[in-house]
Protein backbone atom coordinates (compact mmCIF):
# COMPACT_ATOMS: atom_id res chain seq x y z
CA MET A 1 95.44 259.01 241.64
CA ARG A 2 98.42 258.73 243.96
CA ARG A 3 100.47 261.90 244.09
CA ARG A 4 104.19 261.63 243.44
CA ASN A 5 106.44 262.57 246.32
CA PRO A 6 108.28 265.84 245.66
CA PRO A 7 112.05 265.57 245.19
CA PRO A 8 114.26 266.49 248.13
CA PRO A 9 115.73 270.01 248.22
CA ALA A 10 118.91 270.61 246.29
CA PRO A 11 122.01 270.09 248.45
CA LEU A 12 124.04 272.41 246.20
CA PRO A 13 123.63 276.20 246.16
CA GLN A 14 122.82 278.13 243.02
CA ARG A 15 125.72 279.34 240.93
CA ALA A 16 125.40 282.74 239.24
CA GLY A 17 121.67 282.53 239.88
CA VAL A 18 121.41 279.13 238.14
CA ASP A 19 120.06 276.01 239.88
CA PRO A 20 122.09 272.80 239.91
CA VAL A 21 120.99 270.04 237.56
CA ARG A 22 118.87 267.35 239.24
CA LEU A 23 118.80 263.76 237.97
CA ARG A 24 116.78 260.81 239.20
CA LEU A 25 118.07 257.35 238.36
CA PRO A 26 115.25 255.63 236.46
CA ALA A 27 113.79 252.24 237.27
CA GLY A 28 114.19 249.44 234.77
CA ASP A 29 117.83 250.12 233.97
CA ALA A 30 120.41 247.50 234.88
CA TRP A 31 123.60 249.49 235.33
CA ALA A 32 126.17 248.20 237.78
CA THR A 33 127.25 251.68 238.93
CA VAL A 34 125.98 255.24 238.84
CA ARG A 35 129.09 256.14 236.86
CA ASP A 36 128.17 253.71 234.05
CA HIS A 37 124.69 255.19 233.81
CA LEU A 38 125.93 258.79 233.73
CA VAL A 39 128.43 258.02 230.97
CA ALA A 40 125.63 256.53 228.87
CA ARG A 41 123.06 259.18 229.71
CA LEU A 42 125.02 262.42 229.51
CA ALA A 43 126.69 263.79 226.41
CA ALA A 44 129.76 265.00 228.31
CA GLY A 45 131.70 261.77 227.78
CA ALA A 46 133.42 259.31 230.11
CA GLU A 47 136.49 261.48 230.71
CA VAL A 48 134.44 264.47 231.87
CA ILE A 49 132.14 262.32 234.02
CA ASP A 50 135.14 260.70 235.71
CA GLU A 51 136.70 264.10 236.35
CA MET A 52 133.47 265.37 237.92
CA LEU A 53 133.14 262.29 240.12
CA ASP A 54 136.76 262.42 241.24
CA ALA A 55 136.43 266.13 242.07
CA GLY A 56 133.29 265.51 244.15
CA ARG A 57 131.13 267.66 241.87
CA ILE A 58 128.29 265.12 241.64
CA VAL A 59 126.47 264.66 244.96
CA ASP A 60 123.54 262.76 246.43
CA ALA A 61 120.57 264.14 248.36
CA ALA A 62 122.68 264.54 251.49
CA GLY A 63 125.34 266.48 249.61
CA ARG A 64 127.83 263.59 249.73
CA PRO A 65 130.12 263.20 246.72
CA VAL A 66 129.27 260.21 244.54
CA PRO A 67 132.23 257.82 244.09
CA ARG A 68 132.95 256.10 240.79
CA ASP A 69 131.92 252.70 242.17
CA MET A 70 128.62 253.78 243.79
CA GLU A 71 126.00 251.11 243.19
CA TYR A 72 123.17 251.98 240.83
CA VAL A 73 119.92 252.25 242.85
CA PRO A 74 116.79 253.29 240.91
CA GLY A 75 115.08 256.37 242.33
CA THR A 76 118.28 257.92 243.68
CA PHE A 77 118.54 261.69 243.19
CA LEU A 78 121.79 263.31 242.09
CA TRP A 79 122.81 266.94 241.65
CA PHE A 80 125.63 268.70 239.86
CA HIS A 81 126.44 271.99 238.18
CA ARG A 82 127.01 272.08 234.45
CA GLU A 83 129.89 274.20 233.28
CA LEU A 84 128.43 277.57 232.34
CA PRO A 85 128.81 278.30 228.62
CA ASP A 86 130.66 281.35 227.39
CA GLU A 87 127.81 283.81 226.91
CA GLU A 88 127.78 287.18 225.24
CA ARG A 89 126.38 289.65 227.75
CA VAL A 90 123.13 291.22 226.63
CA PRO A 91 123.87 294.93 227.19
CA PHE A 92 120.37 295.92 228.27
CA ALA A 93 118.87 296.03 231.75
CA VAL A 94 116.00 294.01 233.15
CA ASP A 95 113.74 296.60 234.78
CA VAL A 96 111.64 295.67 237.80
CA LEU A 97 108.24 297.34 237.53
CA TYR A 98 106.64 295.79 240.62
CA ARG A 99 107.70 293.72 243.59
CA ASP A 100 105.96 292.39 246.66
CA GLU A 101 106.32 289.32 248.87
CA HIS A 102 104.58 287.12 246.30
CA LEU A 103 105.62 288.26 242.85
CA VAL A 104 107.99 290.30 240.73
CA VAL A 105 106.96 291.86 237.43
CA ALA A 106 109.94 292.59 235.20
CA ASP A 107 110.32 294.34 231.86
CA LYS A 108 112.63 292.12 229.83
CA PRO A 109 114.76 293.55 227.01
CA HIS A 110 115.09 292.07 223.55
CA PHE A 111 117.70 289.31 223.12
CA LEU A 112 117.53 288.11 226.74
CA ALA A 113 116.04 284.65 227.36
CA THR A 114 113.51 284.35 230.18
CA THR A 115 114.91 281.20 231.80
CA PRO A 116 118.07 279.08 231.43
CA ARG A 117 117.93 276.88 228.35
CA GLY A 118 120.48 275.63 225.85
CA SER A 119 123.33 278.11 225.41
CA HIS A 120 121.54 280.83 227.41
CA VAL A 121 122.05 280.14 231.11
CA ALA A 122 123.45 282.89 233.33
CA GLU A 123 122.50 285.52 230.74
CA THR A 124 118.78 285.10 231.32
CA ALA A 125 116.19 287.27 233.01
CA LEU A 126 115.64 284.73 235.80
CA ALA A 127 119.32 284.31 236.68
CA ARG A 128 119.94 288.06 236.51
CA LEU A 129 116.99 288.87 238.76
CA ARG A 130 117.97 286.23 241.31
CA ARG A 131 121.38 287.88 241.54
CA GLN A 132 120.06 291.44 241.35
CA LEU A 133 117.30 291.02 243.95
CA GLY A 134 118.96 288.41 246.14
CA VAL A 135 115.95 286.08 245.84
CA PRO A 136 117.21 282.57 245.05
CA THR A 137 113.66 281.14 245.11
CA LEU A 138 112.51 283.35 242.24
CA SER A 139 110.83 281.39 239.41
CA ALA A 140 109.14 282.33 236.14
CA ALA A 141 105.37 281.88 235.99
CA HIS A 142 105.47 281.92 232.16
CA ARG A 143 107.95 282.56 229.36
CA LEU A 144 108.54 285.20 226.76
CA ASP A 145 110.54 284.50 223.60
CA ARG A 146 114.16 285.57 223.81
CA LEU A 147 113.74 288.00 220.91
CA THR A 148 110.55 289.55 222.33
CA ALA A 149 110.77 292.34 224.90
CA GLY A 150 108.26 293.16 227.61
CA LEU A 151 106.50 292.01 230.74
CA VAL A 152 107.27 288.75 232.52
CA LEU A 153 105.77 287.58 235.82
CA PHE A 154 108.03 285.87 238.37
CA THR A 155 107.00 284.24 241.64
CA VAL A 156 108.86 284.60 244.93
CA ARG A 157 107.56 281.64 246.95
CA PRO A 158 107.87 278.13 245.47
CA GLY A 159 104.60 277.02 247.05
CA GLU A 160 102.68 279.77 245.23
CA ARG A 161 104.16 279.28 241.78
CA GLY A 162 101.42 276.87 240.68
CA ALA A 163 98.69 279.38 241.49
CA TYR A 164 100.28 282.01 239.26
CA GLN A 165 101.08 279.51 236.51
CA SER A 166 97.43 278.49 236.47
CA LEU A 167 96.50 282.06 235.51
CA PHE A 168 98.25 281.58 232.19
CA ARG A 169 97.17 277.97 231.72
CA ASP A 170 93.52 278.85 232.31
CA LYS A 171 93.68 282.03 230.19
CA ARG A 172 92.88 284.30 233.13
CA VAL A 173 95.55 286.85 232.16
CA ALA A 174 94.68 289.62 229.71
CA LYS A 175 97.74 290.15 227.52
CA GLU A 176 98.39 292.82 224.93
CA TYR A 177 101.38 293.05 222.63
CA GLU A 178 102.59 295.84 220.40
CA ALA A 179 104.38 295.39 217.09
CA VAL A 180 105.82 297.43 214.25
CA ALA A 181 105.32 295.97 210.79
CA PRO A 182 104.69 297.12 207.21
CA TYR A 183 101.48 299.00 206.55
CA ASP A 184 99.17 297.60 203.86
CA PRO A 185 96.22 299.89 203.09
CA ARG A 186 94.39 296.99 201.44
CA LEU A 187 94.37 294.95 204.63
CA VAL A 188 91.09 295.26 206.51
CA LEU A 189 91.71 295.67 210.23
CA PRO A 190 90.85 295.02 212.98
CA ARG A 191 90.35 291.32 212.48
CA THR A 192 90.61 288.08 214.40
CA VAL A 193 92.94 285.50 212.89
CA ARG A 194 92.29 281.80 213.54
CA SER A 195 94.52 278.97 212.35
CA ARG A 196 96.19 275.75 213.36
CA ILE A 197 99.87 276.19 214.20
CA VAL A 198 102.38 273.38 214.73
CA LYS A 199 105.93 273.69 216.00
CA GLU A 200 108.13 270.65 215.42
CA ARG A 201 111.07 269.91 217.68
CA GLY A 202 114.35 270.83 216.02
CA ILE A 203 112.67 273.10 213.45
CA LEU A 204 113.18 276.81 214.08
CA ALA A 205 109.94 278.11 212.56
CA ALA A 206 106.39 277.10 213.38
CA ARG A 207 103.92 276.67 210.53
CA GLU A 208 100.22 276.78 209.81
CA VAL A 209 98.50 273.57 208.75
CA GLU A 210 94.99 272.47 207.90
CA GLY A 211 92.79 271.49 210.81
CA GLU A 212 90.92 272.73 213.82
CA PRO A 213 92.27 276.16 214.85
CA ASN A 214 94.41 276.16 217.98
CA ALA A 215 95.69 279.73 217.65
CA VAL A 216 93.55 282.88 217.82
CA SER A 217 94.88 286.46 217.64
CA ARG A 218 93.19 289.85 217.45
CA ILE A 219 95.09 292.26 215.17
CA GLU A 220 94.44 296.02 215.30
CA LEU A 221 96.16 298.92 213.54
CA LEU A 222 96.85 301.77 215.96
CA GLU A 223 98.49 304.20 213.52
CA HIS A 224 100.68 304.29 210.44
CA ARG A 225 103.28 306.48 208.77
CA ASN A 226 106.01 306.14 206.14
CA GLY A 227 104.81 302.70 205.08
CA ARG A 228 104.96 301.26 208.59
CA GLY A 229 102.21 300.49 211.06
CA ARG A 230 102.03 300.22 214.82
CA TYR A 231 99.77 297.35 215.80
CA ARG A 232 98.05 296.07 218.93
CA LEU A 233 98.09 292.27 219.07
CA THR A 234 95.87 290.39 221.51
CA PRO A 235 96.48 286.63 221.68
CA ARG A 236 93.56 284.50 222.81
CA THR A 237 95.73 281.38 222.86
CA GLY A 238 99.43 280.75 223.47
CA GLN A 239 100.96 278.74 220.63
CA THR A 240 104.69 279.11 220.00
CA HIS A 241 105.42 282.16 217.81
CA GLN A 242 101.68 282.63 217.32
CA LEU A 243 101.69 286.40 216.80
CA ARG A 244 104.71 286.27 214.51
CA VAL A 245 103.12 283.54 212.40
CA HIS A 246 99.79 285.36 212.13
CA MET A 247 101.35 288.70 211.22
CA SER A 248 103.45 287.03 208.53
CA ALA A 249 100.42 285.17 207.18
CA LEU A 250 98.64 288.52 206.78
CA GLY A 251 101.54 289.76 204.64
CA ILE A 252 102.83 292.16 207.29
CA PRO A 253 105.68 290.30 209.05
CA ILE A 254 106.99 292.00 212.18
CA LEU A 255 110.11 294.05 211.52
CA GLY A 256 113.33 292.35 212.58
CA ASP A 257 111.88 288.83 212.51
CA PRO A 258 114.61 286.32 211.55
CA LEU A 259 112.13 283.44 211.07
CA TYR A 260 109.03 284.77 209.35
CA PRO A 261 108.31 284.76 206.50
CA VAL A 262 111.81 283.38 205.73
CA VAL A 263 114.38 281.83 208.06
CA THR A 264 117.53 283.90 207.72
CA GLY A 265 121.07 283.02 208.72
CA PRO A 266 122.05 283.15 212.41
CA VAL A 267 122.99 286.57 213.77
CA ALA A 268 126.56 286.84 214.99
CA ALA A 269 127.08 286.78 218.75
CA GLY A 270 127.12 290.31 220.09
CA ASP A 271 125.03 291.73 217.24
CA PHE A 272 122.15 293.45 219.01
CA ARG A 273 121.03 295.57 216.08
CA ARG A 274 117.53 295.49 214.65
CA PRO A 275 115.72 293.67 217.47
CA LEU A 276 112.40 292.03 216.70
CA GLN A 277 109.80 294.77 216.95
CA LEU A 278 107.46 292.88 219.27
CA LEU A 279 106.71 293.98 222.81
CA ALA A 280 104.61 292.37 225.54
CA ARG A 281 103.01 295.66 226.54
CA VAL A 282 100.25 294.78 229.05
CA LEU A 283 99.56 292.12 231.70
CA GLU A 284 96.27 292.29 233.59
CA PHE A 285 94.96 289.74 236.10
CA THR A 286 93.44 289.12 239.51
CA ASP A 287 96.13 287.99 241.93
CA PRO A 288 95.25 284.39 242.90
CA VAL A 289 96.94 284.75 246.30
CA THR A 290 96.00 288.26 247.46
CA GLY A 291 92.91 288.93 245.35
CA HIS A 292 94.34 292.27 244.18
CA GLU A 293 93.56 293.51 240.67
CA HIS A 294 96.80 294.10 238.77
CA ARG A 295 97.45 295.92 235.52
CA PHE A 296 101.03 296.39 234.39
CA VAL A 297 102.14 298.35 231.33
CA SER A 298 105.63 298.34 229.84
CA PRO A 299 107.00 301.84 229.22
CA ARG A 300 109.36 300.58 226.48
CA ALA A 301 109.26 302.10 223.02
CA LEU A 302 109.77 300.06 219.89
CA ARG A 303 112.64 301.76 218.11
CA ALA A 304 111.47 301.03 214.57
CA TRP A 305 108.54 303.31 215.41
CA SER A 306 110.14 305.94 217.62
CA SER A 307 113.42 306.14 215.65
CA TYR A 308 113.39 304.00 212.53
CA ASP A 309 116.75 305.17 211.16
CA GLU A 310 118.44 304.33 214.46
CA TRP A 311 116.84 300.86 214.49
CA ALA A 312 117.60 300.14 210.82
CA GLY A 313 121.17 301.42 211.01
């Protein structure tokens, strides 16, 4: 199989820790100009595209502004910065637990997305850490749900990112989560839950369906008091919302979950009360670059366990 040539480096610098958007003009299209293609392809509209072109904000691989009448040539790379959305600042810090020349292990707070996506761009763990550490090449080796707190692994060198990503793809990372959920004395634990989970694009919640299991989770009760339990959750697979779906299916949905068992209305911007009580507590792996054995443990406490009244209020 012939390997695809990598794209050229971005001619535009990052902005607020966010990379410029890269587009490649596809083959098979018959546009007369780049401008015509961009108007059809992007949702911004012709007026915005024209303003960006006239202001020199869309450039080619050499950093040259693209004029309105530039001929459409398939395979051409373009770069530009999207306007950053107005984002509510997440008022919690991203803590760096470990840093060396290859990787950064951060402890992400609830409500902060891992990487830029949708309406969360500059207010993400990746963009914050790039600004905080002064490492523009920083990249995420995996993702953690925005509502979930805990450990995330970032890579420093672009050429090594694939090696660290393969740890997660090949299930060579031991991961443990902690959750606070209702306590049911009738529920026999520990147990391993197996089911088939599907997540459809555009649908907020994933669901279990009949079929060959693709999601496996180990659920253990660590302790309980006042009708609540503290649980250790060990995922064997990595389906979207897997732990949240499995806990809900057992009749003990994680406290603060806006999707399971019922999708609730959207939380108002700036409302950081009652975070989802799910924490990525442990990451353990053999470093694929250095060979070192790593074990990282988040020191965070889930507030619905340590101070329920404060969390619920």
